[in-house]
PDB file of all heavy atoms in Angstrom:
ATOM      1  N   GLU A   1      44.250 156.655 -59.726  1.00  0.00           N
ATOM      2  CA  GLU A   1      44.441 158.086 -59.465  1.00  0.00           C
ATOM      3  C   GLU A   1      44.292 158.412 -58.012  1.00  0.00           C
ATOM      4  O   GLU A   1      43.658 157.598 -57.322  1.00  0.00           O
ATOM      5  CB  GLU A   1      43.568 159.012 -60.312  1.00  0.00           C
ATOM      6  CG  GLU A   1      43.747 158.890 -61.804  1.00  0.00           C
ATOM      7  CD  GLU A   1      42.912 159.903 -62.580  1.00  0.00           C
ATOM      8  OE1 GLU A   1      42.056 160.486 -61.885  1.00  0.00           O
ATOM      9  OE2 GLU A   1      43.144 159.967 -63.771  1.00  0.00           O
ATOM     10  N   ARG A   2      44.926 159.377 -57.541  1.00  0.00           N
ATOM     11  CA  ARG A   2      44.712 159.844 -56.101  1.00  0.00           C
ATOM     12  C   ARG A   2      43.289 160.369 -55.919  1.00  0.00           C
ATOM     13  O   ARG A   2      42.756 161.002 -56.743  1.00  0.00           O
ATOM     14  CB  ARG A   2      45.850 160.880 -55.751  1.00  0.00           C
ATOM     15  CG  ARG A   2      45.803 161.142 -54.320  1.00  0.00           C
ATOM     16  CD  ARG A   2      47.168 161.738 -53.862  1.00  0.00           C
ATOM     17  NE  ARG A   2      47.595 162.890 -54.709  1.00  0.00           N
ATOM     18  CZ  ARG A   2      48.854 163.466 -54.571  1.00  0.00           C
ATOM     19  NH1 ARG A   2      49.626 162.958 -53.765  1.00  0.00           N
ATOM     20  NH2 ARG A   2      49.073 164.522 -55.241  1.00  0.00           N
ATOM     21  N   GLU A   3      42.700 159.937 -54.782  1.00  0.00           N
ATOM     22  CA  GLU A   3      41.379 160.238 -54.517  1.00  0.00           C
ATOM     23  C   GLU A   3      41.211 160.886 -53.175  1.00  0.00           C
ATOM     24  O   GLU A   3      41.922 160.606 -52.246  1.00  0.00           O
ATOM     25  CB  GLU A   3      40.471 159.052 -54.681  1.00  0.00           C
ATOM     26  CG  GLU A   3      40.644 158.010 -53.653  1.00  0.00           C
ATOM     27  CD  GLU A   3      39.634 156.797 -53.752  1.00  0.00           C
ATOM     28  OE1 GLU A   3      38.779 156.894 -54.654  1.00  0.00           O
ATOM     29  OE2 GLU A   3      39.679 156.009 -52.927  1.00  0.00           O
ATOM     30  N   PHE A   4      40.169 161.793 -53.053  1.00  0.00           N
ATOM     31  CA  PHE A   4      39.862 162.399 -51.909  1.00  0.00           C
ATOM     32  C   PHE A   4      39.279 161.416 -50.806  1.00  0.00           C
ATOM     33  O   PHE A   4      38.516 160.510 -51.154  1.00  0.00           O
ATOM     34  CB  PHE A   4      38.843 163.523 -52.088  1.00  0.00           C
ATOM     35  CG  PHE A   4      38.112 164.010 -50.942  1.00  0.00           C
ATOM     36  CD1 PHE A   4      38.789 164.804 -50.002  1.00  0.00           C
ATOM     37  CD2 PHE A   4      36.809 163.720 -50.612  1.00  0.00           C
ATOM     38  CE1 PHE A   4      38.221 165.375 -48.904  1.00  0.00           C
ATOM     39  CE2 PHE A   4      36.120 164.248 -49.449  1.00  0.00           C
ATOM     40  CZ  PHE A   4      36.876 165.051 -48.663  1.00  0.00           C
ATOM     41  N   VAL A   5      39.742 161.595 -49.492  1.00  0.00           N
ATOM     42  CA  VAL A   5      39.178 160.817 -48.479  1.00  0.00           C
ATOM     43  C   VAL A   5      38.366 161.570 -47.511  1.00  0.00           C
ATOM     44  O   VAL A   5      37.200 161.295 -47.160  1.00  0.00           O
ATOM     45  CB  VAL A   5      40.310 159.963 -47.777  1.00  0.00           C
ATOM     46  CG1 VAL A   5      39.679 159.161 -46.529  1.00  0.00           C
ATOM     47  CG2 VAL A   5      41.024 159.066 -48.689  1.00  0.00           C
ATOM     48  N   ALA A   6      38.977 162.591 -46.861  1.00  0.00           N
ATOM     49  CA  ALA A   6      38.375 163.399 -45.864  1.00  0.00           C
ATOM     50  C   ALA A   6      39.085 164.782 -45.806  1.00  0.00           C
ATOM     51  O   ALA A   6      40.269 164.829 -46.037  1.00  0.00           O
ATOM     52  CB  ALA A   6      38.481 162.663 -44.513  1.00  0.00           C
ATOM     53  N   THR A   7      38.285 165.692 -45.212  1.00  0.00           N
ATOM     54  CA  THR A   7      38.908 167.067 -44.981  1.00  0.00           C
ATOM     55  C   THR A   7      38.208 167.663 -43.783  1.00  0.00           C
ATOM     56  O   THR A   7      37.181 167.323 -43.388  1.00  0.00           O
ATOM     57  CB  THR A   7      38.524 167.989 -46.261  1.00  0.00           C
ATOM     58  OG1 THR A   7      39.127 169.269 -46.051  1.00  0.00           O
ATOM     59  CG2 THR A   7      37.030 168.166 -46.486  1.00  0.00           C
ATOM     60  N   ILE A   8      39.017 168.580 -43.229  1.00  0.00           N
ATOM     61  CA  ILE A   8      38.639 169.254 -42.018  1.00  0.00           C
ATOM     62  C   ILE A   8      38.986 170.775 -42.155  1.00  0.00           C
ATOM     63  O   ILE A   8      40.091 171.149 -42.662  1.00  0.00           O
ATOM     64  CB  ILE A   8      39.244 168.539 -40.751  1.00  0.00           C
ATOM     65  CG1 ILE A   8      38.606 169.210 -39.495  1.00  0.00           C
ATOM     66  CG2 ILE A   8      40.752 168.752 -40.785  1.00  0.00           C
ATOM     67  CD1 ILE A   8      38.964 168.333 -38.282  1.00  0.00           C
ATOM     68  N   ASN A   9      38.152 171.608 -41.708  1.00  0.00           N
ATOM     69  CA  ASN A   9      38.460 173.003 -41.809  1.00  0.00           C
ATOM     70  C   ASN A   9      39.383 173.537 -40.716  1.00  0.00           C
ATOM     71  O   ASN A   9      39.933 172.815 -39.916  1.00  0.00           O
ATOM     72  CB  ASN A   9      37.115 173.926 -41.821  1.00  0.00           C
ATOM     73  CG  ASN A   9      36.530 174.066 -40.381  1.00  0.00           C
ATOM     74  OD1 ASN A   9      36.578 173.137 -39.530  1.00  0.00           O
ATOM     75  ND2 ASN A   9      35.972 175.212 -40.079  1.00  0.00           N
ATOM     76  N   ARG A  10      39.734 174.742 -40.775  1.00  0.00           N
ATOM     77  CA  ARG A  10      40.756 175.311 -39.960  1.00  0.00           C
ATOM     78  C   ARG A  10      40.504 175.195 -38.505  1.00  0.00           C
ATOM     79  O   ARG A  10      41.509 174.871 -37.750  1.00  0.00           O
ATOM     80  CB  ARG A  10      40.958 176.824 -40.253  1.00  0.00           C
ATOM     81  CG  ARG A  10      41.572 177.071 -41.623  1.00  0.00           C
ATOM     82  CD  ARG A  10      41.555 178.551 -42.039  1.00  0.00           C
ATOM     83  NE  ARG A  10      42.000 179.406 -41.011  1.00  0.00           N
ATOM     84  CZ  ARG A  10      42.059 180.774 -41.118  1.00  0.00           C
ATOM     85  NH1 ARG A  10      41.639 181.283 -42.254  1.00  0.00           N
ATOM     86  NH2 ARG A  10      42.493 181.421 -40.197  1.00  0.00           N
ATOM     87  N   ASN A  11      39.291 175.282 -38.010  1.00  0.00           N
ATOM     88  CA  ASN A  11      39.067 175.145 -36.520  1.00  0.00           C
ATOM     89  C   ASN A  11      38.499 173.833 -36.129  1.00  0.00           C
ATOM     90  O   ASN A  11      38.228 173.639 -34.958  1.00  0.00           O
ATOM     91  CB  ASN A  11      38.116 176.352 -36.038  1.00  0.00           C
ATOM     92  CG  ASN A  11      36.754 176.269 -36.630  1.00  0.00           C
ATOM     93  OD1 ASN A  11      36.393 175.242 -37.293  1.00  0.00           O
ATOM     94  ND2 ASN A  11      36.058 177.313 -36.522  1.00  0.00           N
ATOM     95  N   GLY A  12      38.415 172.932 -37.097  1.00  0.00           N
ATOM     96  CA  GLY A  12      37.986 171.555 -36.769  1.00  0.00           C
ATOM     97  C   GLY A  12      36.584 171.305 -36.592  1.00  0.00           C
ATOM     98  O   GLY A  12      36.133 170.251 -36.286  1.00  0.00           O
ATOM     99  N   ARG A  13      35.740 172.417 -36.868  1.00  0.00           N
ATOM    100  CA  ARG A  13      34.282 172.192 -36.671  1.00  0.00           C
ATOM    101  C   ARG A  13      33.497 171.755 -37.890  1.00  0.00           C
ATOM    102  O   ARG A  13      32.415 171.324 -37.756  1.00  0.00           O
ATOM    103  CB  ARG A  13      33.730 173.595 -36.224  1.00  0.00           C
ATOM    104  CG  ARG A  13      34.292 174.062 -34.892  1.00  0.00           C
ATOM    105  CD  ARG A  13      33.740 175.424 -34.543  1.00  0.00           C
ATOM    106  NE  ARG A  13      34.327 175.806 -33.138  1.00  0.00           N
ATOM    107  CZ  ARG A  13      34.103 177.001 -32.732  1.00  0.00           C
ATOM    108  NH1 ARG A  13      33.428 177.959 -33.374  1.00  0.00           N
ATOM    109  NH2 ARG A  13      34.651 177.347 -31.572  1.00  0.00           N
ATOM    110  N   SER A  14      34.112 171.689 -39.012  1.00  0.00           N
ATOM    111  CA  SER A  14      33.509 171.224 -40.268  1.00  0.00           C
ATOM    112  C   SER A  14      34.361 170.113 -40.872  1.00  0.00           C
ATOM    113  O   SER A  14      35.604 170.279 -41.024  1.00  0.00           O
ATOM    114  CB  SER A  14      33.249 172.361 -41.194  1.00  0.00           C
ATOM    115  OG  SER A  14      32.393 173.347 -40.729  1.00  0.00           O
ATOM    116  N   THR A  15      33.671 169.136 -41.313  1.00  0.00           N
ATOM    117  CA  THR A  15      34.433 167.940 -41.934  1.00  0.00           C
ATOM    118  C   THR A  15      33.574 167.538 -43.150  1.00  0.00           C
ATOM    119  O   THR A  15      32.349 167.779 -43.285  1.00  0.00           O
ATOM    120  CB  THR A  15      34.657 166.751 -41.025  1.00  0.00           C
ATOM    121  OG1 THR A  15      33.320 166.336 -40.543  1.00  0.00           O
ATOM    122  CG2 THR A  15      35.487 167.192 -39.819  1.00  0.00           C
ATOM    123  N   ASP A  16      34.271 166.752 -44.051  1.00  0.00           N
ATOM    124  CA  ASP A  16      33.571 166.229 -45.193  1.00  0.00           C
ATOM    125  C   ASP A  16      34.333 164.960 -45.495  1.00  0.00           C
ATOM    126  O   ASP A  16      35.536 164.796 -45.295  1.00  0.00           O
ATOM    127  CB  ASP A  16      33.582 167.183 -46.390  1.00  0.00           C
ATOM    128  CG  ASP A  16      32.700 166.754 -47.502  1.00  0.00           C
ATOM    129  OD1 ASP A  16      31.799 165.951 -47.235  1.00  0.00           O
ATOM    130  OD2 ASP A  16      32.765 167.193 -48.682  1.00  0.00           O
ATOM    131  N   PHE A  17      33.594 163.976 -46.112  1.00  0.00           N
ATOM    132  CA  PHE A  17      34.147 162.667 -46.403  1.00  0.00           C
ATOM    133  C   PHE A  17      33.689 162.139 -47.787  1.00  0.00           C
ATOM    134  O   PHE A  17      32.615 162.482 -48.204  1.00  0.00           O
ATOM    135  CB  PHE A  17      33.700 161.628 -45.326  1.00  0.00           C
ATOM    136  CG  PHE A  17      34.130 161.932 -43.929  1.00  0.00           C
ATOM    137  CD1 PHE A  17      33.274 162.767 -43.137  1.00  0.00           C
ATOM    138  CD2 PHE A  17      35.355 161.550 -43.464  1.00  0.00           C
ATOM    139  CE1 PHE A  17      33.733 163.069 -41.870  1.00  0.00           C
ATOM    140  CE2 PHE A  17      35.731 161.805 -42.272  1.00  0.00           C
ATOM    141  CZ  PHE A  17      34.940 162.623 -41.361  1.00  0.00           C
ATOM    142  N   ALA A  18      34.575 161.339 -48.377  1.00  0.00           N
ATOM    143  CA  ALA A  18      34.178 160.585 -49.506  1.00  0.00           C
ATOM    144  C   ALA A  18      33.038 159.612 -49.177  1.00  0.00           C
ATOM    145  O   ALA A  18      33.025 159.084 -48.052  1.00  0.00           O
ATOM    146  CB  ALA A  18      35.434 159.944 -50.158  1.00  0.00           C
ATOM    147  N   ASN A  19      32.128 159.463 -50.124  1.00  0.00           N
ATOM    148  CA  ASN A  19      31.073 158.480 -49.870  1.00  0.00           C
ATOM    149  C   ASN A  19      31.535 157.103 -49.468  1.00  0.00           C
ATOM    150  O   ASN A  19      30.952 156.443 -48.670  1.00  0.00           O
ATOM    151  CB  ASN A  19      30.137 158.380 -51.148  1.00  0.00           C
ATOM    152  CG  ASN A  19      29.345 159.624 -51.312  1.00  0.00           C
ATOM    153  OD1 ASN A  19      29.050 160.461 -50.356  1.00  0.00           O
ATOM    154  ND2 ASN A  19      28.923 159.856 -52.529  1.00  0.00           N
ATOM    155  N   SER A  20      32.659 156.701 -49.983  1.00  0.00           N
ATOM    156  CA  SER A  20      33.172 155.368 -49.776  1.00  0.00           C
ATOM    157  C   SER A  20      33.656 155.149 -48.261  1.00  0.00           C
ATOM    158  O   SER A  20      33.754 153.976 -47.853  1.00  0.00           O
ATOM    159  CB  SER A  20      34.393 155.035 -50.684  1.00  0.00           C
ATOM    160  OG  SER A  20      35.396 156.030 -50.577  1.00  0.00           O
ATOM    161  N   VAL A  21      33.904 156.217 -47.594  1.00  0.00           N
ATOM    162  CA  VAL A  21      34.421 156.103 -46.213  1.00  0.00           C
ATOM    163  C   VAL A  21      33.395 156.633 -45.121  1.00  0.00           C
ATOM    164  O   VAL A  21      33.660 156.528 -43.965  1.00  0.00           O
ATOM    165  CB  VAL A  21      35.763 156.697 -46.117  1.00  0.00           C
ATOM    166  CG1 VAL A  21      36.797 156.145 -47.051  1.00  0.00           C
ATOM    167  CG2 VAL A  21      35.726 158.199 -46.114  1.00  0.00           C
ATOM    168  N   LYS A  22      32.349 157.322 -45.613  1.00  0.00           N
ATOM    169  CA  LYS A  22      31.428 157.832 -44.681  1.00  0.00           C
ATOM    170  C   LYS A  22      30.862 156.781 -43.641  1.00  0.00           C
ATOM    171  O   LYS A  22      30.464 155.691 -44.019  1.00  0.00           O
ATOM    172  CB  LYS A  22      30.193 158.518 -45.440  1.00  0.00           C
ATOM    173  CG  LYS A  22      30.537 159.890 -45.880  1.00  0.00           C
ATOM    174  CD  LYS A  22      29.294 160.472 -46.551  1.00  0.00           C
ATOM    175  CE  LYS A  22      29.654 161.879 -47.037  1.00  0.00           C
ATOM    176  NZ  LYS A  22      28.491 162.427 -47.889  1.00  0.00           N
ATOM    177  N   GLY A  23      30.853 157.191 -42.416  1.00  0.00           N
ATOM    178  CA  GLY A  23      30.383 156.238 -41.393  1.00  0.00           C
ATOM    179  C   GLY A  23      31.480 155.329 -40.834  1.00  0.00           C
ATOM    180  O   GLY A  23      31.246 154.661 -39.826  1.00  0.00           O
ATOM    181  N   ARG A  24      32.628 155.296 -41.472  1.00  0.00           N
ATOM    182  CA  ARG A  24      33.653 154.452 -41.122  1.00  0.00           C
ATOM    183  C   ARG A  24      34.942 155.157 -40.622  1.00  0.00           C
ATOM    184  O   ARG A  24      35.643 154.771 -39.754  1.00  0.00           O
ATOM    185  CB  ARG A  24      34.104 153.433 -42.235  1.00  0.00           C
ATOM    186  CG  ARG A  24      32.961 152.505 -42.672  1.00  0.00           C
ATOM    187  CD  ARG A  24      33.513 151.467 -43.664  1.00  0.00           C
ATOM    188  NE  ARG A  24      34.082 151.996 -44.906  1.00  0.00           N
ATOM    189  CZ  ARG A  24      35.315 151.837 -45.266  1.00  0.00           C
ATOM    190  NH1 ARG A  24      36.155 151.037 -44.538  1.00  0.00           N
ATOM    191  NH2 ARG A  24      35.732 152.379 -46.468  1.00  0.00           N
ATOM    192  N   PHE A  25      35.116 156.317 -41.341  1.00  0.00           N
ATOM    193  CA  PHE A  25      36.345 157.127 -40.989  1.00  0.00           C
ATOM    194  C   PHE A  25      36.031 158.436 -40.379  1.00  0.00           C
ATOM    195  O   PHE A  25      34.856 158.929 -40.649  1.00  0.00           O
ATOM    196  CB  PHE A  25      37.074 157.537 -42.338  1.00  0.00           C
ATOM    197  CG  PHE A  25      37.724 156.370 -43.032  1.00  0.00           C
ATOM    198  CD1 PHE A  25      37.597 154.997 -42.640  1.00  0.00           C
ATOM    199  CD2 PHE A  25      38.688 156.605 -44.125  1.00  0.00           C
ATOM    200  CE1 PHE A  25      38.228 153.954 -43.263  1.00  0.00           C
ATOM    201  CE2 PHE A  25      39.355 155.601 -44.741  1.00  0.00           C
ATOM    202  CZ  PHE A  25      39.088 154.288 -44.324  1.00  0.00           C
ATOM    203  N   THR A  26      36.771 158.901 -39.496  1.00  0.00           N
ATOM    204  CA  THR A  26      36.608 160.274 -38.995  1.00  0.00           C
ATOM    205  C   THR A  26      37.922 161.026 -39.005  1.00  0.00           C
ATOM    206  O   THR A  26      39.012 160.425 -39.031  1.00  0.00           O
ATOM    207  CB  THR A  26      36.162 160.246 -37.513  1.00  0.00           C
ATOM    208  OG1 THR A  26      37.146 159.536 -36.738  1.00  0.00           O
ATOM    209  CG2 THR A  26      34.786 159.665 -37.328  1.00  0.00           C
ATOM    210  N   ILE A  27      37.816 162.322 -39.217  1.00  0.00           N
ATOM    211  CA  ILE A  27      39.034 163.156 -39.242  1.00  0.00           C
ATOM    212  C   ILE A  27      38.927 164.163 -38.144  1.00  0.00           C
ATOM    213  O   ILE A  27      37.875 164.639 -37.778  1.00  0.00           O
ATOM    214  CB  ILE A  27      39.140 163.869 -40.629  1.00  0.00           C
ATOM    215  CG1 ILE A  27      40.445 164.717 -40.773  1.00  0.00           C
ATOM    216  CG2 ILE A  27      37.883 164.757 -40.911  1.00  0.00           C
ATOM    217  CD1 ILE A  27      40.662 165.234 -42.214  1.00  0.00           C
ATOM    218  N   SER A  28      40.051 164.459 -37.515  1.00  0.00           N
ATOM    219  CA  SER A  28      40.126 165.430 -36.427  1.00  0.00           C
ATOM    220  C   SER A  28      41.438 166.132 -36.410  1.00  0.00           C
ATOM    221  O   SER A  28      42.281 165.693 -37.097  1.00  0.00           O
ATOM    222  CB  SER A  28      39.805 164.721 -35.109  1.00  0.00           C
ATOM    223  OG  SER A  28      40.914 163.706 -34.850  1.00  0.00           O
ATOM    224  N   ARG A  29      41.585 167.200 -35.673  1.00  0.00           N
ATOM    225  CA  ARG A  29      42.840 167.930 -35.551  1.00  0.00           C
ATOM    226  C   ARG A  29      43.012 168.442 -34.208  1.00  0.00           C
ATOM    227  O   ARG A  29      42.065 168.629 -33.445  1.00  0.00           O
ATOM    228  CB  ARG A  29      42.833 169.097 -36.676  1.00  0.00           C
ATOM    229  CG  ARG A  29      41.797 170.203 -36.405  1.00  0.00           C
ATOM    230  CD  ARG A  29      41.723 171.149 -37.542  1.00  0.00           C
ATOM    231  NE  ARG A  29      43.006 171.970 -37.694  1.00  0.00           N
ATOM    232  CZ  ARG A  29      43.420 172.553 -38.839  1.00  0.00           C
ATOM    233  NH1 ARG A  29      42.600 172.361 -39.862  1.00  0.00           N
ATOM    234  NH2 ARG A  29      44.505 173.206 -38.837  1.00  0.00           N
ATOM    235  N   ASP A  30      44.330 168.644 -33.873  1.00  0.00           N
ATOM    236  CA  ASP A  30      44.675 169.181 -32.559  1.00  0.00           C
ATOM    237  C   ASP A  30      45.552 170.420 -32.916  1.00  0.00           C
ATOM    238  O   ASP A  30      46.645 170.311 -33.341  1.00  0.00           O
ATOM    239  CB  ASP A  30      45.430 168.091 -31.751  1.00  0.00           C
ATOM    240  CG  ASP A  30      45.729 168.675 -30.373  1.00  0.00           C
ATOM    241  OD1 ASP A  30      45.993 169.916 -30.177  1.00  0.00           O
ATOM    242  OD2 ASP A  30      45.802 167.873 -29.392  1.00  0.00           O
ATOM    243  N   ASN A  31      44.911 171.619 -32.748  1.00  0.00           N
ATOM    244  CA  ASN A  31      45.671 172.838 -33.090  1.00  0.00           C
ATOM    245  C   ASN A  31      46.707 173.199 -32.082  1.00  0.00           C
ATOM    246  O   ASN A  31      47.364 174.237 -32.321  1.00  0.00           O
ATOM    247  CB  ASN A  31      44.680 173.989 -33.381  1.00  0.00           C
ATOM    248  CG  ASN A  31      43.961 173.844 -34.687  1.00  0.00           C
ATOM    249  OD1 ASN A  31      44.206 172.860 -35.521  1.00  0.00           O
ATOM    250  ND2 ASN A  31      43.050 174.713 -34.943  1.00  0.00           N
ATOM    251  N   VAL A  32      46.869 172.533 -31.018  1.00  0.00           N
ATOM    252  CA  VAL A  32      47.888 172.702 -30.107  1.00  0.00           C
ATOM    253  C   VAL A  32      49.120 171.846 -30.479  1.00  0.00           C
ATOM    254  O   VAL A  32      50.248 172.271 -30.374  1.00  0.00           O
ATOM    255  CB  VAL A  32      47.435 172.408 -28.684  1.00  0.00           C
ATOM    256  CG1 VAL A  32      48.652 172.520 -27.729  1.00  0.00           C
ATOM    257  CG2 VAL A  32      46.373 173.495 -28.221  1.00  0.00           C
ATOM    258  N   LYS A  33      48.759 170.572 -30.764  1.00  0.00           N
ATOM    259  CA  LYS A  33      49.869 169.651 -31.185  1.00  0.00           C
ATOM    260  C   LYS A  33      50.236 169.702 -32.669  1.00  0.00           C
ATOM    261  O   LYS A  33      51.076 169.026 -33.150  1.00  0.00           O
ATOM    262  CB  LYS A  33      49.391 168.290 -30.825  1.00  0.00           C
ATOM    263  CG  LYS A  33      49.289 167.963 -29.375  1.00  0.00           C
ATOM    264  CD  LYS A  33      48.922 166.506 -29.123  1.00  0.00           C
ATOM    265  CE  LYS A  33      48.797 166.268 -27.675  1.00  0.00           C
ATOM    266  NZ  LYS A  33      48.429 164.865 -27.347  1.00  0.00           N
TER     267      LYS A  33
END
């Protein structure tokens, strides 16, 4: 099944990760690009 990996809020200041990827993956966003 499809599983959650990472999420980021609208302004990029809050993130959350699946336990399986914590410490290895990061999520970011560029609200200009």
